[in-house]
Amino acid sequence: MNTTKNHASITEFFGDAEYPLCLTFALAAEWEKLRERSLNFTFACMVETRAAQLLDVREVVRLGLIGGGMEPREAHEKVRVYVENRPLVEGMAVALSVMEAFLFGSDEWREANPARDVAA
């Protein structure tokens, strides 16, 4: 049984404190529309190359904060301070965690919902 609000809900340290982040289906679709490419493909490229486009990182973190319950204006300000004015690798680590949780489920969710053998 799923014990988290959403399979993609995580808590990460970001800038000045730990915050809940969650990329919902609707927010992921918004990201794909805004960035005009697949979130899954972008995640795979970021993991493989350890490189990211600046706006990809900023928008994943911003949308993740909003999905975690933060007001959009506050999320924008947090991203301005802790993504736009810090080394990219710091924001990239958070963005990768947010995307990984959306694509594969958070660690907590996966533990509570072990994969089932669909062939059985």
PDB file of N, CA and C in Angstrom:
ATOM      1  N   MET A   1       0.835  -1.180   0.000  1.00  0.00           N
ATOM      2  CA  MET A   1       0.000   0.000   0.000  1.00  0.00           C
ATOM      3  C   MET A   1       0.877   1.239   0.000  1.00  0.00           C
ATOM      4  N   ASN A   2       0.577   2.198  -0.817  1.00  0.00           N
ATOM      5  CA  ASN A   2       1.347   3.427  -0.921  1.00  0.00           C
ATOM      6  C   ASN A   2       1.136   4.274   0.332  1.00  0.00           C
ATOM      7  N   THR A   3       2.242   4.584   1.030  1.00  0.00           N
ATOM      8  CA  THR A   3       2.135   5.355   2.264  1.00  0.00           C
ATOM      9  C   THR A   3       2.523   6.812   2.071  1.00  0.00           C
ATOM     10  N   THR A   4       2.938   7.207   0.869  1.00  0.00           N
ATOM     11  CA  THR A   4       3.272   8.601   0.605  1.00  0.00           C
ATOM     12  C   THR A   4       2.137   9.247  -0.164  1.00  0.00           C
ATOM     13  N   LYS A   5       2.128  10.596  -0.183  1.00  0.00           N
ATOM     14  CA  LYS A   5       1.087  11.321  -0.900  1.00  0.00           C
ATOM     15  C   LYS A   5       1.104  10.978  -2.387  1.00  0.00           C
ATOM     16  N   ASN A   6       2.259  10.795  -2.940  1.00  0.00           N
ATOM     17  CA  ASN A   6       2.427  10.571  -4.361  1.00  0.00           C
ATOM     18  C   ASN A   6       3.672   9.722  -4.539  1.00  0.00           C
ATOM     19  N   HIS A   7       3.689   8.890  -5.548  1.00  0.00           N
ATOM     20  CA  HIS A   7       4.854   8.029  -5.763  1.00  0.00           C
ATOM     21  C   HIS A   7       6.140   8.830  -5.944  1.00  0.00           C
ATOM     22  N   ALA A   8       6.016  10.087  -6.329  1.00  0.00           N
ATOM     23  CA  ALA A   8       7.189  10.912  -6.625  1.00  0.00           C
ATOM     24  C   ALA A   8       7.550  11.879  -5.499  1.00  0.00           C
ATOM     25  N   SER A   9       6.891  11.791  -4.356  1.00  0.00           N
ATOM     26  CA  SER A   9       7.161  12.711  -3.247  1.00  0.00           C
ATOM     27  C   SER A   9       8.496  12.405  -2.586  1.00  0.00           C
ATOM     28  N   ILE A  10       9.337  13.425  -2.476  1.00  0.00           N
ATOM     29  CA  ILE A  10      10.623  13.288  -1.803  1.00  0.00           C
ATOM     30  C   ILE A  10      10.839  14.511  -0.921  1.00  0.00           C
ATOM     31  N   THR A  11      11.812  14.416  -0.043  1.00  0.00           N
ATOM     32  CA  THR A  11      12.269  15.552   0.749  1.00  0.00           C
ATOM     33  C   THR A  11      13.762  15.669   0.510  1.00  0.00           C
ATOM     34  N   GLU A  12      14.193  16.868   0.132  1.00  0.00           N
ATOM     35  CA  GLU A  12      15.605  17.110  -0.178  1.00  0.00           C
ATOM     36  C   GLU A  12      16.063  18.395   0.481  1.00  0.00           C
ATOM     37  N   PHE A  13      17.337  18.434   0.854  1.00  0.00           N
ATOM     38  CA  PHE A  13      17.913  19.697   1.285  1.00  0.00           C
ATOM     39  C   PHE A  13      18.108  20.548   0.044  1.00  0.00           C
ATOM     40  N   PHE A  14      17.605  21.778   0.093  1.00  0.00           N
ATOM     41  CA  PHE A  14      17.729  22.690  -1.037  1.00  0.00           C
ATOM     42  C   PHE A  14      17.998  24.086  -0.519  1.00  0.00           C
ATOM     43  N   GLY A  15      19.227  24.528  -0.639  1.00  0.00           N
ATOM     44  CA  GLY A  15      19.593  25.890  -0.292  1.00  0.00           C
ATOM     45  C   GLY A  15      19.733  26.166   1.181  1.00  0.00           C
ATOM     46  N   ASP A  16      18.619  26.264   1.883  1.00  0.00           N
ATOM     47  CA  ASP A  16      18.659  26.660   3.282  1.00  0.00           C
ATOM     48  C   ASP A  16      17.934  25.717   4.237  1.00  0.00           C
ATOM     49  N   ALA A  17      17.265  24.706   3.690  1.00  0.00           N
ATOM     50  CA  ALA A  17      16.505  23.777   4.537  1.00  0.00           C
ATOM     51  C   ALA A  17      16.074  22.567   3.705  1.00  0.00           C
ATOM     52  N   GLU A  18      15.441  21.619   4.373  1.00  0.00           N
ATOM     53  CA  GLU A  18      14.841  20.496   3.655  1.00  0.00           C
ATOM     54  C   GLU A  18      13.436  20.896   3.225  1.00  0.00           C
ATOM     55  N   TYR A  19      13.088  20.529   1.984  1.00  0.00           N
ATOM     56  CA  TYR A  19      11.785  20.859   1.427  1.00  0.00           C
ATOM     57  C   TYR A  19      11.174  19.639   0.779  1.00  0.00           C
ATOM     58  N   PRO A  20       9.842  19.518   0.841  1.00  0.00           N
ATOM     59  CA  PRO A  20       9.172  18.477   0.062  1.00  0.00           C
ATOM     60  C   PRO A  20       9.154  18.888  -1.405  1.00  0.00           C
ATOM     61  N   LEU A  21       9.427  17.942  -2.269  1.00  0.00           N
ATOM     62  CA  LEU A  21       9.371  18.169  -3.713  1.00  0.00           C
ATOM     63  C   LEU A  21       8.582  17.027  -4.337  1.00  0.00           C
ATOM     64  N   CYS A  22       7.837  17.342  -5.378  1.00  0.00           N
ATOM     65  CA  CYS A  22       7.068  16.314  -6.066  1.00  0.00           C
ATOM     66  C   CYS A  22       6.748  16.789  -7.476  1.00  0.00           C
ATOM     67  N   LEU A  23       7.160  16.016  -8.441  1.00  0.00           N
ATOM     68  CA  LEU A  23       6.811  16.309  -9.822  1.00  0.00           C
ATOM     69  C   LEU A  23       5.617  15.425 -10.174  1.00  0.00           C
ATOM     70  N   THR A  24       4.451  16.036 -10.250  1.00  0.00           N
ATOM     71  CA  THR A  24       3.244  15.295 -10.599  1.00  0.00           C
ATOM     72  C   THR A  24       3.180  15.111 -12.115  1.00  0.00           C
ATOM     73  N   PHE A  25       2.245  14.302 -12.577  1.00  0.00           N
ATOM     74  CA  PHE A  25       2.083  14.104 -14.015  1.00  0.00           C
ATOM     75  C   PHE A  25       1.799  15.431 -14.708  1.00  0.00           C
ATOM     76  N   ALA A  26       0.897  16.223 -14.132  1.00  0.00           N
ATOM     77  CA  ALA A  26       0.540  17.510 -14.743  1.00  0.00           C
ATOM     78  C   ALA A  26       1.742  18.454 -14.794  1.00  0.00           C
ATOM     79  N   LEU A  27       2.538  18.477 -13.740  1.00  0.00           N
ATOM     80  CA  LEU A  27       3.716  19.340 -13.732  1.00  0.00           C
ATOM     81  C   LEU A  27       4.778  18.842 -14.700  1.00  0.00           C
ATOM     82  N   ALA A  28       4.935  17.531 -14.811  1.00  0.00           N
ATOM     83  CA  ALA A  28       5.883  16.982 -15.782  1.00  0.00           C
ATOM     84  C   ALA A  28       5.439  17.317 -17.204  1.00  0.00           C
ATOM     85  N   ALA A  29       4.143  17.227 -17.459  1.00  0.00           N
ATOM     86  CA  ALA A  29       3.620  17.595 -18.778  1.00  0.00           C
ATOM     87  C   ALA A  29       3.851  19.077 -19.055  1.00  0.00           C
ATOM     88  N   GLU A  30       3.686  19.916 -18.022  1.00  0.00           N
ATOM     89  CA  GLU A  30       3.961  21.344 -18.176  1.00  0.00           C
ATOM     90  C   GLU A  30       5.435  21.562 -18.520  1.00  0.00           C
ATOM     91  N   TRP A  31       6.324  20.831 -17.839  1.00  0.00           N
ATOM     92  CA  TRP A  31       7.765  20.945 -18.112  1.00  0.00           C
ATOM     93  C   TRP A  31       8.058  20.545 -19.556  1.00  0.00           C
ATOM     94  N   GLU A  32       7.494  19.427 -20.008  1.00  0.00           N
ATOM     95  CA  GLU A  32       7.737  18.973 -21.382  1.00  0.00           C
ATOM     96  C   GLU A  32       7.215  19.975 -22.406  1.00  0.00           C
ATOM     97  N   LYS A  33       6.086  20.582 -22.130  1.00  0.00           N
ATOM     98  CA  LYS A  33       5.541  21.589 -23.043  1.00  0.00           C
ATOM     99  C   LYS A  33       6.446  22.825 -23.067  1.00  0.00           C
ATOM    100  N   LEU A  34       6.885  23.254 -21.897  1.00  0.00           N
ATOM    101  CA  LEU A  34       7.753  24.420 -21.782  1.00  0.00           C
ATOM    102  C   LEU A  34       9.106  24.179 -22.457  1.00  0.00           C
ATOM    103  N   ARG A  35       9.694  23.018 -22.228  1.00  0.00           N
ATOM    104  CA  ARG A  35      11.040  22.718 -22.724  1.00  0.00           C
ATOM    105  C   ARG A  35      11.035  22.050 -24.100  1.00  0.00           C
ATOM    106  N   GLU A  36       9.856  21.610 -24.564  1.00  0.00           N
ATOM    107  CA  GLU A  36       9.670  20.993 -25.880  1.00  0.00           C
ATOM    108  C   GLU A  36      10.524  19.742 -26.092  1.00  0.00           C
ATOM    109  N   ARG A  37      10.578  18.908 -25.043  1.00  0.00           N
ATOM    110  CA  ARG A  37      11.234  17.603 -25.164  1.00  0.00           C
ATOM    111  C   ARG A  37      10.841  16.704 -23.998  1.00  0.00           C
ATOM    112  N   SER A  38      11.200  15.461 -24.117  1.00  0.00           N
ATOM    113  CA  SER A  38      10.844  14.445 -23.139  1.00  0.00           C
ATOM    114  C   SER A  38      11.623  14.602 -21.833  1.00  0.00           C
ATOM    115  N   LEU A  39      10.919  14.531 -20.716  1.00  0.00           N
ATOM    116  CA  LEU A  39      11.558  14.544 -19.410  1.00  0.00           C
ATOM    117  C   LEU A  39      12.415  13.296 -19.233  1.00  0.00           C
ATOM    118  N   ASN A  40      11.908  12.163 -19.666  1.00  0.00           N
ATOM    119  CA  ASN A  40      12.637  10.904 -19.556  1.00  0.00           C
ATOM    120  C   ASN A  40      13.952  10.971 -20.328  1.00  0.00           C
ATOM    121  N   PHE A  41      13.898  11.473 -21.562  1.00  0.00           N
ATOM    122  CA  PHE A  41      15.100  11.605 -22.378  1.00  0.00           C
ATOM    123  C   PHE A  41      16.089  12.575 -21.726  1.00  0.00           C
ATOM    124  N   THR A  42      15.586  13.682 -21.202  1.00  0.00           N
ATOM    125  CA  THR A  42      16.448  14.673 -20.556  1.00  0.00           C
ATOM    126  C   THR A  42      17.125  14.066 -19.336  1.00  0.00           C
ATOM    127  N   PHE A  43      16.372  13.322 -18.531  1.00  0.00           N
ATOM    128  CA  PHE A  43      16.948  12.648 -17.365  1.00  0.00           C
ATOM    129  C   PHE A  43      18.065  11.700 -17.793  1.00  0.00           C
ATOM    130  N   ALA A  44      17.797  10.875 -18.793  1.00  0.00           N
ATOM    131  CA  ALA A  44      18.794   9.909 -19.263  1.00  0.00           C
ATOM    132  C   ALA A  44      20.065  10.615 -19.742  1.00  0.00           C
ATOM    133  N   CYS A  45      19.897  11.695 -20.470  1.00  0.00           N
ATOM    134  CA  CYS A  45      21.060  12.454 -20.957  1.00  0.00           C
ATOM    135  C   CYS A  45      21.845  13.072 -19.810  1.00  0.00           C
ATOM    136  N   MET A  46      21.141  13.611 -18.823  1.00  0.00           N
ATOM    137  CA  MET A  46      21.819  14.225 -17.675  1.00  0.00           C
ATOM    138  C   MET A  46      22.606  13.186 -16.891  1.00  0.00           C
ATOM    139  N   VAL A  47      22.034  12.002 -16.719  1.00  0.00           N
ATOM    140  CA  VAL A  47      22.727  10.945 -15.980  1.00  0.00           C
ATOM    141  C   VAL A  47      23.942  10.465 -16.775  1.00  0.00           C
ATOM    142  N   GLU A  48      23.752  10.238 -18.054  1.00  0.00           N
ATOM    143  CA  GLU A  48      24.834   9.695 -18.890  1.00  0.00           C
ATOM    144  C   GLU A  48      25.981  10.678 -19.087  1.00  0.00           C
ATOM    145  N   THR A  49      25.668  11.949 -19.325  1.00  0.00           N
ATOM    146  CA  THR A  49      26.703  12.926 -19.658  1.00  0.00           C
ATOM    147  C   THR A  49      27.154  13.777 -18.471  1.00  0.00           C
ATOM    148  N   ARG A  50      26.366  13.743 -17.380  1.00  0.00           N
ATOM    149  CA  ARG A  50      26.623  14.599 -16.224  1.00  0.00           C
ATOM    150  C   ARG A  50      26.631  16.075 -16.620  1.00  0.00           C
ATOM    151  N   ALA A  51      25.821  16.404 -17.608  1.00  0.00           N
ATOM    152  CA  ALA A  51      25.672  17.776 -18.088  1.00  0.00           C
ATOM    153  C   ALA A  51      24.188  18.093 -18.164  1.00  0.00           C
ATOM    154  N   ALA A  52      23.874  19.395 -18.033  1.00  0.00           N
ATOM    155  CA  ALA A  52      22.473  19.800 -18.057  1.00  0.00           C
ATOM    156  C   ALA A  52      22.346  21.194 -18.635  1.00  0.00           C
ATOM    157  N   GLN A  53      21.200  21.446 -19.242  1.00  0.00           N
ATOM    158  CA  GLN A  53      20.888  22.803 -19.659  1.00  0.00           C
ATOM    159  C   GLN A  53      20.382  23.567 -18.440  1.00  0.00           C
ATOM    160  N   LEU A  54      20.771  24.811 -18.345  1.00  0.00           N
ATOM    161  CA  LEU A  54      20.438  25.629 -17.180  1.00  0.00           C
ATOM    162  C   LEU A  54      18.942  25.688 -16.912  1.00  0.00           C
ATOM    163  N   LEU A  55      18.155  25.924 -17.949  1.00  0.00           N
ATOM    164  CA  LEU A  55      16.710  26.054 -17.756  1.00  0.00           C
ATOM    165  C   LEU A  55      16.061  24.730 -17.379  1.00  0.00           C
ATOM    166  N   ASP A  56      16.638  23.623 -17.808  1.00  0.00           N
ATOM    167  CA  ASP A  56      16.107  22.321 -17.396  1.00  0.00           C
ATOM    168  C   ASP A  56      16.190  22.178 -15.888  1.00  0.00           C
ATOM    169  N   VAL A  57      17.362  22.473 -15.342  1.00  0.00           N
ATOM    170  CA  VAL A  57      17.565  22.353 -13.898  1.00  0.00           C
ATOM    171  C   VAL A  57      16.639  23.307 -13.157  1.00  0.00           C
ATOM    172  N   ARG A  58      16.630  24.558 -13.558  1.00  0.00           N
ATOM    173  CA  ARG A  58      15.816  25.557 -12.870  1.00  0.00           C
ATOM    174  C   ARG A  58      14.342  25.172 -12.856  1.00  0.00           C
ATOM    175  N   GLU A  59      13.812  24.773 -14.003  1.00  0.00           N
ATOM    176  CA  GLU A  59      12.381  24.498 -14.097  1.00  0.00           C
ATOM    177  C   GLU A  59      11.985  23.201 -13.396  1.00  0.00           C
ATOM    178  N   VAL A  60      12.811  22.183 -13.424  1.00  0.00           N
ATOM    179  CA  VAL A  60      12.489  20.947 -12.696  1.00  0.00           C
ATOM    180  C   VAL A  60      12.427  21.231 -11.201  1.00  0.00           C
ATOM    181  N   VAL A  61      13.398  21.974 -10.691  1.00  0.00           N
ATOM    182  CA  VAL A  61      13.402  22.277  -9.260  1.00  0.00           C
ATOM    183  C   VAL A  61      12.210  23.164  -8.903  1.00  0.00           C
ATOM    184  N   ARG A  62      11.947  24.185  -9.689  1.00  0.00           N
ATOM    185  CA  ARG A  62      10.816  25.084  -9.415  1.00  0.00           C
ATOM    186  C   ARG A  62       9.500  24.320  -9.389  1.00  0.00           C
ATOM    187  N   LEU A  63       9.271  23.507 -10.412  1.00  0.00           N
ATOM    188  CA  LEU A  63       8.026  22.737 -10.476  1.00  0.00           C
ATOM    189  C   LEU A  63       7.956  21.687  -9.373  1.00  0.00           C
ATOM    190  N   GLY A  64       9.099  21.100  -9.023  1.00  0.00           N
ATOM    191  CA  GLY A  64       9.130  20.139  -7.917  1.00  0.00           C
ATOM    192  C   GLY A  64       8.745  20.779  -6.590  1.00  0.00           C
ATOM    193  N   LEU A  65       9.229  21.995  -6.357  1.00  0.00           N
ATOM    194  CA  LEU A  65       8.854  22.716  -5.128  1.00  0.00           C
ATOM    195  C   LEU A  65       7.360  23.017  -5.116  1.00  0.00           C
ATOM    196  N   ILE A  66       6.827  23.441  -6.241  1.00  0.00           N
ATOM    197  CA  ILE A  66       5.387  23.718  -6.341  1.00  0.00           C
ATOM    198  C   ILE A  66       4.591  22.437  -6.100  1.00  0.00           C
ATOM    199  N   GLY A  67       5.010  21.340  -6.715  1.00  0.00           N
ATOM    200  CA  GLY A  67       4.339  20.058  -6.507  1.00  0.00           C
ATOM    201  C   GLY A  67       4.431  19.573  -5.075  1.00  0.00           C
ATOM    202  N   GLY A  68       5.483  19.993  -4.378  1.00  0.00           N
ATOM    203  CA  GLY A  68       5.648  19.635  -2.972  1.00  0.00           C
ATOM    204  C   GLY A  68       4.829  20.495  -2.032  1.00  0.00           C
ATOM    205  N   GLY A  69       4.164  21.518  -2.588  1.00  0.00           N
ATOM    206  CA  GLY A  69       3.263  22.334  -1.776  1.00  0.00           C
ATOM    207  C   GLY A  69       3.671  23.787  -1.599  1.00  0.00           C
ATOM    208  N   MET A  70       4.807  24.187  -2.146  1.00  0.00           N
ATOM    209  CA  MET A  70       5.240  25.568  -2.000  1.00  0.00           C
ATOM    210  C   MET A  70       4.456  26.466  -2.953  1.00  0.00           C
ATOM    211  N   GLU A  71       4.164  27.669  -2.524  1.00  0.00           N
ATOM    212  CA  GLU A  71       3.495  28.641  -3.379  1.00  0.00           C
ATOM    213  C   GLU A  71       4.407  28.993  -4.559  1.00  0.00           C
ATOM    214  N   PRO A  72       3.846  29.155  -5.757  1.00  0.00           N
ATOM    215  CA  PRO A  72       4.668  29.431  -6.939  1.00  0.00           C
ATOM    216  C   PRO A  72       5.621  30.614  -6.782  1.00  0.00           C
ATOM    217  N   ARG A  73       5.183  31.691  -6.166  1.00  0.00           N
ATOM    218  CA  ARG A  73       6.051  32.867  -6.001  1.00  0.00           C
ATOM    219  C   ARG A  73       7.256  32.525  -5.113  1.00  0.00           C
ATOM    220  N   GLU A  74       7.003  31.795  -4.025  1.00  0.00           N
ATOM    221  CA  GLU A  74       8.090  31.395  -3.134  1.00  0.00           C
ATOM    222  C   GLU A  74       9.040  30.434  -3.847  1.00  0.00           C
ATOM    223  N   ALA A  75       8.496  29.502  -4.623  1.00  0.00           N
ATOM    224  CA  ALA A  75       9.338  28.564  -5.378  1.00  0.00           C
ATOM    225  C   ALA A  75      10.228  29.320  -6.357  1.00  0.00           C
ATOM    226  N   HIS A  76       9.660  30.313  -7.023  1.00  0.00           N
ATOM    227  CA  HIS A  76      10.436  31.132  -7.958  1.00  0.00           C
ATOM    228  C   HIS A  76      11.592  31.822  -7.231  1.00  0.00           C
ATOM    229  N   GLU A  77      11.316  32.378  -6.064  1.00  0.00           N
ATOM    230  CA  GLU A  77      12.363  33.072  -5.302  1.00  0.00           C
ATOM    231  C   GLU A  77      13.437  32.106  -4.812  1.00  0.00           C
ATOM    232  N   LYS A  78      13.032  30.934  -4.318  1.00  0.00           N
ATOM    233  CA  LYS A  78      14.010  29.935  -3.856  1.00  0.00           C
ATOM    234  C   LYS A  78      14.931  29.520  -5.006  1.00  0.00           C
ATOM    235  N   VAL A  79      14.345  29.299  -6.173  1.00  0.00           N
ATOM    236  CA  VAL A  79      15.132  28.892  -7.342  1.00  0.00           C
ATOM    237  C   VAL A  79      16.057  30.024  -7.779  1.00  0.00           C
ATOM    238  N   ARG A  80      15.560  31.235  -7.716  1.00  0.00           N
ATOM    239  CA  ARG A  80      16.403  32.390  -8.084  1.00  0.00           C
ATOM    240  C   ARG A  80      17.648  32.445  -7.187  1.00  0.00           C
ATOM    241  N   VAL A  81      17.458  32.223  -5.887  1.00  0.00           N
ATOM    242  CA  VAL A  81      18.573  32.307  -4.948  1.00  0.00           C
ATOM    243  C   VAL A  81      19.464  31.069  -5.005  1.00  0.00           C
ATOM    244  N   TYR A  82      18.849  29.860  -5.021  1.00  0.00           N
ATOM    245  CA  TYR A  82      19.626  28.641  -4.814  1.00  0.00           C
ATOM    246  C   TYR A  82      19.912  27.819  -6.066  1.00  0.00           C
ATOM    247  N   VAL A  83      19.403  28.221  -7.215  1.00  0.00           N
ATOM    248  CA  VAL A  83      19.796  27.588  -8.480  1.00  0.00           C
ATOM    249  C   VAL A  83      20.548  28.605  -9.334  1.00  0.00           C
ATOM    250  N   GLU A  84      19.939  29.752  -9.537  1.00  0.00           N
ATOM    251  CA  GLU A  84      20.529  30.741 -10.436  1.00  0.00           C
ATOM    252  C   GLU A  84      21.797  31.382  -9.877  1.00  0.00           C
ATOM    253  N   ASN A  85      21.965  31.389  -8.568  1.00  0.00           N
ATOM    254  CA  ASN A  85      23.116  32.059  -7.956  1.00  0.00           C
ATOM    255  C   ASN A  85      24.042  31.112  -7.205  1.00  0.00           C
ATOM    256  N   ARG A  86      24.014  29.852  -7.566  1.00  0.00           N
ATOM    257  CA  ARG A  86      24.886  28.841  -6.954  1.00  0.00           C
ATOM    258  C   ARG A  86      25.487  27.994  -8.077  1.00  0.00           C
ATOM    259  N   PRO A  87      26.496  27.185  -7.768  1.00  0.00           N
ATOM    260  CA  PRO A  87      27.043  26.297  -8.797  1.00  0.00           C
ATOM    261  C   PRO A  87      25.952  25.378  -9.361  1.00  0.00           C
ATOM    262  N   LEU A  88      25.964  25.202 -10.667  1.00  0.00           N
ATOM    263  CA  LEU A  88      24.937  24.408 -11.342  1.00  0.00           C
ATOM    264  C   LEU A  88      24.822  23.002 -10.762  1.00  0.00           C
ATOM    265  N   VAL A  89      25.923  22.398 -10.386  1.00  0.00           N
ATOM    266  CA  VAL A  89      25.898  21.026  -9.893  1.00  0.00           C
ATOM    267  C   VAL A  89      25.010  20.869  -8.658  1.00  0.00           C
ATOM    268  N   GLU A  90      24.888  21.909  -7.841  1.00  0.00           N
ATOM    269  CA  GLU A  90      24.018  21.825  -6.660  1.00  0.00           C
ATOM    270  C   GLU A  90      22.554  21.696  -7.062  1.00  0.00           C
ATOM    271  N   GLY A  91      22.109  22.544  -7.967  1.00  0.00           N
ATOM    272  CA  GLY A  91      20.730  22.459  -8.446  1.00  0.00           C
ATOM    273  C   GLY A  91      20.492  21.212  -9.269  1.00  0.00           C
ATOM    274  N   MET A  92      21.520  20.796 -10.008  1.00  0.00           N
ATOM    275  CA  MET A  92      21.392  19.606 -10.849  1.00  0.00           C
ATOM    276  C   MET A  92      21.140  18.355  -9.998  1.00  0.00           C
ATOM    277  N   ALA A  93      21.796  18.273  -8.853  1.00  0.00           N
ATOM    278  CA  ALA A  93      21.588  17.115  -7.974  1.00  0.00           C
ATOM    279  C   ALA A  93      20.137  17.044  -7.505  1.00  0.00           C
ATOM    280  N   VAL A  94      19.567  18.183  -7.160  1.00  0.00           N
ATOM    281  CA  VAL A  94      18.162  18.220  -6.734  1.00  0.00           C
ATOM    282  C   VAL A  94      17.253  17.880  -7.909  1.00  0.00           C
ATOM    283  N   ALA A  95      17.529  18.468  -9.074  1.00  0.00           N
ATOM    284  CA  ALA A  95      16.709  18.198 -10.269  1.00  0.00           C
ATOM    285  C   ALA A  95      16.728  16.715 -10.612  1.00  0.00           C
ATOM    286  N   LEU A  96      17.896  16.088 -10.551  1.00  0.00           N
ATOM    287  CA  LEU A  96      17.978  14.650 -10.849  1.00  0.00           C
ATOM    288  C   LEU A  96      17.166  13.831  -9.853  1.00  0.00           C
ATOM    289  N   SER A  97      17.213  14.197  -8.586  1.00  0.00           N
ATOM    290  CA  SER A  97      16.419  13.483  -7.567  1.00  0.00           C
ATOM    291  C   SER A  97      14.927  13.616  -7.836  1.00  0.00           C
ATOM    292  N   VAL A  98      14.494  14.817  -8.211  1.00  0.00           N
ATOM    293  CA  VAL A  98      13.083  15.058  -8.500  1.00  0.00           C
ATOM    294  C   VAL A  98      12.639  14.240  -9.715  1.00  0.00           C
ATOM    295  N   MET A  99      13.442  14.250 -10.779  1.00  0.00           N
ATOM    296  CA  MET A  99      13.091  13.494 -11.987  1.00  0.00           C
ATOM    297  C   MET A  99      13.121  11.990 -11.731  1.00  0.00           C
ATOM    298  N   GLU A 100      14.125  11.521 -10.996  1.00  0.00           N
ATOM    299  CA  GLU A 100      14.221  10.098 -10.694  1.00  0.00           C
ATOM    300  C   GLU A 100      12.996   9.617  -9.915  1.00  0.00           C
ATOM    301  N   ALA A 101      12.561  10.405  -8.936  1.00  0.00           N
ATOM    302  CA  ALA A 101      11.378  10.024  -8.156  1.00  0.00           C
ATOM    303  C   ALA A 101      10.140   9.980  -9.038  1.00  0.00           C
ATOM    304  N   PHE A 102      10.011  10.926  -9.953  1.00  0.00           N
ATOM    305  CA  PHE A 102       8.855  10.916 -10.856  1.00  0.00           C
ATOM    306  C   PHE A 102       8.893   9.698 -11.776  1.00  0.00           C
ATOM    307  N   LEU A 103      10.044   9.402 -12.320  1.00  0.00           N
ATOM    308  CA  LEU A 103      10.155   8.324 -13.307  1.00  0.00           C
ATOM    309  C   LEU A 103      10.110   6.927 -12.686  1.00  0.00           C
ATOM    310  N   PHE A 104      10.697   6.771 -11.494  1.00  0.00           N
ATOM    311  CA  PHE A 104      10.843   5.432 -10.917  1.00  0.00           C
ATOM    312  C   PHE A 104      10.184   5.256  -9.555  1.00  0.00           C
ATOM    313  N   GLY A 105       9.668   6.331  -8.994  1.00  0.00           N
ATOM    314  CA  GLY A 105       9.117   6.294  -7.645  1.00  0.00           C
ATOM    315  C   GLY A 105      10.193   6.645  -6.635  1.00  0.00           C
ATOM    316  N   SER A 106       9.780   7.273  -5.548  1.00  0.00           N
ATOM    317  CA  SER A 106      10.729   7.614  -4.488  1.00  0.00           C
ATOM    318  C   SER A 106      11.206   6.330  -3.812  1.00  0.00           C
ATOM    319  N   ASP A 107      12.316   6.413  -3.091  1.00  0.00           N
ATOM    320  CA  ASP A 107      12.817   5.245  -2.360  1.00  0.00           C
ATOM    321  C   ASP A 107      11.749   4.716  -1.408  1.00  0.00           C
ATOM    322  N   GLU A 108      11.100   5.620  -0.676  1.00  0.00           N
ATOM    323  CA  GLU A 108      10.058   5.220   0.281  1.00  0.00           C
ATOM    324  C   GLU A 108       8.911   4.519  -0.438  1.00  0.00           C
ATOM    325  N   TRP A 109       8.488   5.060  -1.563  1.00  0.00           N
ATOM    326  CA  TRP A 109       7.384   4.466  -2.301  1.00  0.00           C
ATOM    327  C   TRP A 109       7.762   3.093  -2.846  1.00  0.00           C
ATOM    328  N   ARG A 110       8.978   2.958  -3.379  1.00  0.00           N
ATOM    329  CA  ARG A 110       9.420   1.661  -3.930  1.00  0.00           C
ATOM    330  C   ARG A 110       9.502   0.599  -2.841  1.00  0.00           C
ATOM    331  N   GLU A 111       9.943   0.994  -1.644  1.00  0.00           N
ATOM    332  CA  GLU A 111       9.998   0.039  -0.536  1.00  0.00           C
ATOM    333  C   GLU A 111       8.597  -0.429  -0.139  1.00  0.00           C
ATOM    334  N   ALA A 112       7.632   0.478  -0.166  1.00  0.00           N
ATOM    335  CA  ALA A 112       6.258   0.142   0.218  1.00  0.00           C
ATOM    336  C   ALA A 112       5.496  -0.562  -0.906  1.00  0.00           C
ATOM    337  N   ASN A 113       5.991  -0.455  -2.132  1.00  0.00           N
ATOM    338  CA  ASN A 113       5.309  -1.015  -3.304  1.00  0.00           C
ATOM    339  C   ASN A 113       6.295  -1.783  -4.172  1.00  0.00           C
ATOM    340  N   PRO A 114       6.719  -2.962  -3.708  1.00  0.00           N
ATOM    341  CA  PRO A 114       7.703  -3.720  -4.490  1.00  0.00           C
ATOM    342  C   PRO A 114       7.147  -4.036  -5.887  1.00  0.00           C
ATOM    343  N   ALA A 115       8.057  -4.029  -6.835  1.00  0.00           N
ATOM    344  CA  ALA A 115       7.659  -4.310  -8.224  1.00  0.00           C
ATOM    345  C   ALA A 115       7.064  -5.699  -8.316  1.00  0.00           C
ATOM    346  N   ARG A 116       6.033  -5.811  -9.129  1.00  0.00           N
ATOM    347  CA  ARG A 116       5.391  -7.115  -9.343  1.00  0.00           C
ATOM    348  C   ARG A 116       5.830  -7.665 -10.688  1.00  0.00           C
ATOM    349  N   ASP A 117       5.928  -8.972 -10.743  1.00  0.00           N
ATOM    350  CA  ASP A 117       6.277  -9.639 -11.991  1.00  0.00           C
ATOM    351  C   ASP A 117       5.041  -9.651 -12.861  1.00  0.00           C
ATOM    352  N   VAL A 118       5.034  -8.840 -13.914  1.00  0.00           N
ATOM    353  CA  VAL A 118       3.839  -8.732 -14.757  1.00  0.00           C
ATOM    354  C   VAL A 118       3.623  -9.971 -15.623  1.00  0.00           C
ATOM    355  N   ALA A 119       4.627 -10.836 -15.743  1.00  0.00           N
ATOM    356  CA  ALA A 119       4.478 -12.050 -16.550  1.00  0.00           C
ATOM    357  C   ALA A 119       3.748 -13.137 -15.770  1.00  0.00           C
ATOM    358  N   ALA A 120       3.681 -13.000 -14.464  1.00  0.00           N
ATOM    359  CA  ALA A 120       3.064 -14.050 -13.632  1.00  0.00           C
ATOM    360  C   ALA A 120       1.559 -14.027 -13.726  1.00  0.00           C
TER     361      ALA A 120
END
